Amino acid sequence: MADIVTPEKRSLMMSGIRGKDTKPEILIRKALFARGWRYRLHDKRLPGKPDLVFPRLRAVVFVDGCFWHGHHCHLFRLPSSRIEFWSQKIGRNRERDIEVKQKLEELGWRHLTVWECALKGRTRLPIVDVIDRVADWLESGKGAAEVEGERDGGR
């Protein structure tokens, strides 16, 4: 299927997509801050420049978009145009995510991924539940974890 916009317009649209300070990320940040959590943003000294860094806890939080990171949910669908390009791009993003998380673990850091589907779409959770899960994970000292939307009518 051909793209319905010109290549120039598509390029302009794609350049407007943010890599940090996204709406889901800001939503999580503000809710955690309101609960008294303090963090650093996008620390360049850590692999992957995590969205939220809690140095005292040696914990990081990534707020990932389901499309860009190829999450297995209803928000991800491979585009029908330029299939090879998108398969490679999203595949490389997935590989990079794995590499970054392995490096963080080697450095003694814990990581949590909050998926976009937990915050939007038909599988979204109440924001209070998402923040509760993030806060519980931070306090628990547990290793890697994820927060994602509901599946098949509940968890």
C-alpha atoms as a PDB file:
ATOM      1  CA  MET A   1       0.000   0.000   0.000  1.00  0.00           C
ATOM      2  CA  ALA A   2       1.319   3.421  -0.932  1.00  0.00           C
ATOM      3  CA  ASP A   3       1.735   6.161   1.640  1.00  0.00           C
ATOM      4  CA  ILE A   4      -1.053   8.749   1.518  1.00  0.00           C
ATOM      5  CA  VAL A   5       1.262  11.709   2.169  1.00  0.00           C
ATOM      6  CA  THR A   6       4.336  12.938   0.318  1.00  0.00           C
ATOM      7  CA  PRO A   7       7.768  11.802   1.487  1.00  0.00           C
ATOM      8  CA  GLU A   8       8.526  15.377   2.590  1.00  0.00           C
ATOM      9  CA  LYS A   9       5.344  15.572   4.665  1.00  0.00           C
ATOM     10  CA  ARG A  10       6.008  12.140   6.193  1.00  0.00           C
ATOM     11  CA  SER A  11       9.549  13.236   7.092  1.00  0.00           C
ATOM     12  CA  LEU A  12       8.185  16.361   8.765  1.00  0.00           C
ATOM     13  CA  MET A  13       5.611  14.310  10.689  1.00  0.00           C
ATOM     14  CA  MET A  14       8.218  11.785  11.856  1.00  0.00           C
ATOM     15  CA  SER A  15      10.650  14.504  12.950  1.00  0.00           C
ATOM     16  CA  GLY A  16       7.996  15.832  15.311  1.00  0.00           C
ATOM     17  CA  ILE A  17       7.868  12.599  17.313  1.00  0.00           C
ATOM     18  CA  ARG A  18       9.592  13.110  20.628  1.00  0.00           C
ATOM     19  CA  GLY A  19      12.109  10.733  22.160  1.00  0.00           C
ATOM     20  CA  LYS A  20      11.892  12.194  25.635  1.00  0.00           C
ATOM     21  CA  ASP A  21       9.428  14.274  27.634  1.00  0.00           C
ATOM     22  CA  THR A  22       6.534  12.406  26.035  1.00  0.00           C
ATOM     23  CA  LYS A  23       3.012  12.710  27.433  1.00  0.00           C
ATOM     24  CA  PRO A  24       3.106   9.241  29.062  1.00  0.00           C
ATOM     25  CA  GLU A  25       6.519   9.985  30.583  1.00  0.00           C
ATOM     26  CA  ILE A  26       5.396  13.336  31.990  1.00  0.00           C
ATOM     27  CA  LEU A  27       2.244  11.728  33.406  1.00  0.00           C
ATOM     28  CA  ILE A  28       4.348   9.161  35.306  1.00  0.00           C
ATOM     29  CA  ARG A  29       6.857  11.791  36.440  1.00  0.00           C
ATOM     30  CA  LYS A  30       4.258  14.172  37.825  1.00  0.00           C
ATOM     31  CA  ALA A  31       2.358  11.428  39.645  1.00  0.00           C
ATOM     32  CA  LEU A  32       5.534  10.041  41.256  1.00  0.00           C
ATOM     33  CA  PHE A  33       6.728  13.527  42.191  1.00  0.00           C
ATOM     34  CA  ALA A  34       3.350  14.244  43.817  1.00  0.00           C
ATOM     35  CA  ARG A  35       3.883  11.140  45.971  1.00  0.00           C
ATOM     36  CA  GLY A  36       7.248  12.395  47.126  1.00  0.00           C
ATOM     37  CA  TRP A  37       9.535  10.454  44.789  1.00  0.00           C
ATOM     38  CA  ARG A  38      12.585  12.347  43.546  1.00  0.00           C
ATOM     39  CA  TYR A  39      14.574  11.293  40.510  1.00  0.00           C
ATOM     40  CA  ARG A  40      16.950  12.403  37.798  1.00  0.00           C
ATOM     41  CA  LEU A  41      15.927  12.623  34.158  1.00  0.00           C
ATOM     42  CA  HIS A  42      17.668  10.983  31.192  1.00  0.00           C
ATOM     43  CA  ASP A  43      21.047  10.453  32.879  1.00  0.00           C
ATOM     44  CA  LYS A  44      23.549  10.271  30.024  1.00  0.00           C
ATOM     45  CA  ARG A  45      26.032   8.405  32.220  1.00  0.00           C
ATOM     46  CA  LEU A  46      23.796   5.310  32.179  1.00  0.00           C
ATOM     47  CA  PRO A  47      23.206   3.019  29.205  1.00  0.00           C
ATOM     48  CA  GLY A  48      20.079   3.966  27.291  1.00  0.00           C
ATOM     49  CA  LYS A  49      19.611   7.318  29.083  1.00  0.00           C
ATOM     50  CA  PRO A  50      16.695   6.026  31.202  1.00  0.00           C
ATOM     51  CA  ASP A  51      13.638   8.262  31.514  1.00  0.00           C
ATOM     52  CA  LEU A  52      13.714   8.267  35.329  1.00  0.00           C
ATOM     53  CA  VAL A  53      16.741   7.476  37.467  1.00  0.00           C
ATOM     54  CA  PHE A  54      16.589   6.815  41.217  1.00  0.00           C
ATOM     55  CA  PRO A  55      20.298   6.830  42.157  1.00  0.00           C
ATOM     56  CA  ARG A  56      19.887   5.965  45.853  1.00  0.00           C
ATOM     57  CA  LEU A  57      17.867   2.859  44.898  1.00  0.00           C
ATOM     58  CA  ARG A  58      20.028   2.036  41.862  1.00  0.00           C
ATOM     59  CA  ALA A  59      16.798   1.797  39.904  1.00  0.00           C
ATOM     60  CA  VAL A  60      15.669   3.192  36.556  1.00  0.00           C
ATOM     61  CA  VAL A  61      12.303   3.464  34.849  1.00  0.00           C
ATOM     62  CA  PHE A  62      11.722   3.472  31.110  1.00  0.00           C
ATOM     63  CA  VAL A  63       8.383   4.720  29.759  1.00  0.00           C
ATOM     64  CA  ASP A  64       8.262   3.053  26.348  1.00  0.00           C
ATOM     65  CA  GLY A  65       5.913   3.539  23.413  1.00  0.00           C
ATOM     66  CA  CYS A  66       4.406   0.266  22.253  1.00  0.00           C
ATOM     67  CA  PHE A  67       4.880   1.028  18.554  1.00  0.00           C
ATOM     68  CA  TRP A  68       8.518   2.135  18.693  1.00  0.00           C
ATOM     69  CA  HIS A  69       9.595  -0.751  20.908  1.00  0.00           C
ATOM     70  CA  GLY A  70       7.474  -3.434  19.210  1.00  0.00           C
ATOM     71  CA  HIS A  71       5.419  -4.364  22.270  1.00  0.00           C
ATOM     72  CA  HIS A  72       3.080  -7.336  21.928  1.00  0.00           C
ATOM     73  CA  CYS A  73      -0.183  -5.433  22.461  1.00  0.00           C
ATOM     74  CA  HIS A  74      -3.016  -3.856  20.506  1.00  0.00           C
ATOM     75  CA  LEU A  75      -1.118  -0.570  20.120  1.00  0.00           C
ATOM     76  CA  PHE A  76       1.577  -2.179  17.965  1.00  0.00           C
ATOM     77  CA  ARG A  77       0.941  -2.975  14.336  1.00  0.00           C
ATOM     78  CA  LEU A  78       3.642  -3.107  11.724  1.00  0.00           C
ATOM     79  CA  PRO A  79       2.908  -0.499   9.016  1.00  0.00           C
ATOM     80  CA  SER A  80       1.748  -1.907   5.707  1.00  0.00           C
ATOM     81  CA  SER A  81       4.104   0.304   3.692  1.00  0.00           C
ATOM     82  CA  ARG A  82       7.892  -0.073   3.743  1.00  0.00           C
ATOM     83  CA  ILE A  83       7.554  -3.318   5.690  1.00  0.00           C
ATOM     84  CA  GLU A  84      11.252  -4.214   5.427  1.00  0.00           C
ATOM     85  CA  PHE A  85      12.346  -0.800   6.749  1.00  0.00           C
ATOM     86  CA  TRP A  86       9.946  -0.882   9.701  1.00  0.00           C
ATOM     87  CA  SER A  87      10.735  -4.503  10.554  1.00  0.00           C
ATOM     88  CA  GLN A  88      14.433  -3.698  10.702  1.00  0.00           C
ATOM     89  CA  LYS A  89      13.926  -0.449  12.630  1.00  0.00           C
ATOM     90  CA  ILE A  90      11.660  -1.916  15.280  1.00  0.00           C
ATOM     91  CA  GLY A  91      13.744  -5.095  15.442  1.00  0.00           C
ATOM     92  CA  ARG A  92      16.861  -3.025  16.108  1.00  0.00           C
ATOM     93  CA  ASN A  93      15.015  -1.035  18.791  1.00  0.00           C
ATOM     94  CA  ARG A  94      14.096  -4.311  20.516  1.00  0.00           C
ATOM     95  CA  GLU A  95      17.693  -5.537  20.310  1.00  0.00           C
ATOM     96  CA  ARG A  96      18.967  -2.232  21.722  1.00  0.00           C
ATOM     97  CA  ASP A  97      16.475  -2.443  24.600  1.00  0.00           C
ATOM     98  CA  ILE A  98      17.815  -5.888  25.518  1.00  0.00           C
ATOM     99  CA  GLU A  99      21.447  -4.707  25.278  1.00  0.00           C
ATOM    100  CA  VAL A 100      20.779  -1.609  27.402  1.00  0.00           C
ATOM    101  CA  LYS A 101      18.999  -3.594  30.107  1.00  0.00           C
ATOM    102  CA  GLN A 102      21.781  -6.180  30.209  1.00  0.00           C
ATOM    103  CA  LYS A 103      24.368  -3.415  30.618  1.00  0.00           C
ATOM    104  CA  LEU A 104      22.332  -1.819  33.406  1.00  0.00           C
ATOM    105  CA  GLU A 105      22.111  -5.159  35.229  1.00  0.00           C
ATOM    106  CA  GLU A 106      25.871  -5.670  34.846  1.00  0.00           C
ATOM    107  CA  LEU A 107      26.368  -2.253  36.460  1.00  0.00           C
ATOM    108  CA  GLY A 108      24.093  -3.249  39.345  1.00  0.00           C
ATOM    109  CA  TRP A 109      21.004  -1.277  38.317  1.00  0.00           C
ATOM    110  CA  ARG A 110      17.404  -2.502  38.429  1.00  0.00           C
ATOM    111  CA  HIS A 111      15.027  -1.546  35.616  1.00  0.00           C
ATOM    112  CA  LEU A 112      11.286  -1.209  35.161  1.00  0.00           C
ATOM    113  CA  THR A 113       9.500  -0.639  31.860  1.00  0.00           C
ATOM    114  CA  VAL A 114       6.130   1.088  31.870  1.00  0.00           C
ATOM    115  CA  TRP A 115       4.473   0.364  28.543  1.00  0.00           C
ATOM    116  CA  GLU A 116       2.260   2.884  26.784  1.00  0.00           C
ATOM    117  CA  CYS A 117      -0.617   0.352  26.747  1.00  0.00           C
ATOM    118  CA  ALA A 118      -0.792   0.615  30.546  1.00  0.00           C
ATOM    119  CA  LEU A 119      -1.655   4.300  30.118  1.00  0.00           C
ATOM    120  CA  LYS A 120      -3.730   4.443  26.948  1.00  0.00           C
ATOM    121  CA  GLY A 121      -6.000   2.384  24.747  1.00  0.00           C
ATOM    122  CA  ARG A 122      -8.515  -0.279  25.615  1.00  0.00           C
ATOM    123  CA  THR A 123      -6.151  -2.127  27.962  1.00  0.00           C
ATOM    124  CA  ARG A 124      -5.140   0.904  30.021  1.00  0.00           C
ATOM    125  CA  LEU A 125      -5.069   0.716  33.774  1.00  0.00           C
ATOM    126  CA  PRO A 126      -6.207   3.450  36.146  1.00  0.00           C
ATOM    127  CA  ILE A 127      -3.259   5.836  36.580  1.00  0.00           C
ATOM    128  CA  VAL A 128      -3.393   5.231  40.336  1.00  0.00           C
ATOM    129  CA  ASP A 129      -2.791   1.507  39.727  1.00  0.00           C
ATOM    130  CA  VAL A 130       0.144   2.210  37.416  1.00  0.00           C
ATOM    131  CA  ILE A 131       1.768   4.561  39.926  1.00  0.00           C
ATOM    132  CA  ASP A 132       1.091   2.091  42.757  1.00  0.00           C
ATOM    133  CA  ARG A 133       2.877  -0.620  40.770  1.00  0.00           C
ATOM    134  CA  VAL A 134       5.844   1.636  40.029  1.00  0.00           C
ATOM    135  CA  ALA A 135       6.116   2.758  43.670  1.00  0.00           C
ATOM    136  CA  ASP A 136       5.747  -0.830  44.935  1.00  0.00           C
ATOM    137  CA  TRP A 137       8.516  -1.953  42.588  1.00  0.00           C
ATOM    138  CA  LEU A 138      10.800   0.886  43.672  1.00  0.00           C
ATOM    139  CA  GLU A 139      10.292   0.004  47.335  1.00  0.00           C
ATOM    140  CA  SER A 140      10.583  -3.755  46.792  1.00  0.00           C
ATOM    141  CA  GLY A 141      14.203  -3.882  45.680  1.00  0.00           C
ATOM    142  CA  LYS A 142      13.206  -6.488  43.071  1.00  0.00           C
ATOM    143  CA  GLY A 143      15.018  -6.753  39.748  1.00  0.00           C
ATOM    144  CA  ALA A 144      13.615  -6.257  36.268  1.00  0.00           C
ATOM    145  CA  ALA A 145       9.874  -5.777  35.843  1.00  0.00           C
ATOM    146  CA  GLU A 146       7.246  -4.385  33.494  1.00  0.00           C
ATOM    147  CA  VAL A 147       3.921  -2.603  33.829  1.00  0.00           C
ATOM    148  CA  GLU A 148       1.659  -3.201  30.852  1.00  0.00           C
ATOM    149  CA  GLY A 149      -2.031  -2.946  30.036  1.00  0.00           C
ATOM    150  CA  GLU A 150      -4.589  -5.554  31.004  1.00  0.00           C
ATOM    151  CA  ARG A 151      -4.892  -8.705  28.940  1.00  0.00           C
ATOM    152  CA  ASP A 152      -8.054 -10.601  28.074  1.00  0.00           C
ATOM    153  CA  GLY A 153     -10.300  -8.729  30.474  1.00  0.00           C
ATOM    154  CA  GLY A 154      -8.035  -8.572  33.498  1.00  0.00           C
ATOM    155  CA  ARG A 155      -5.026  -9.842  35.347  1.00  0.00           C
END
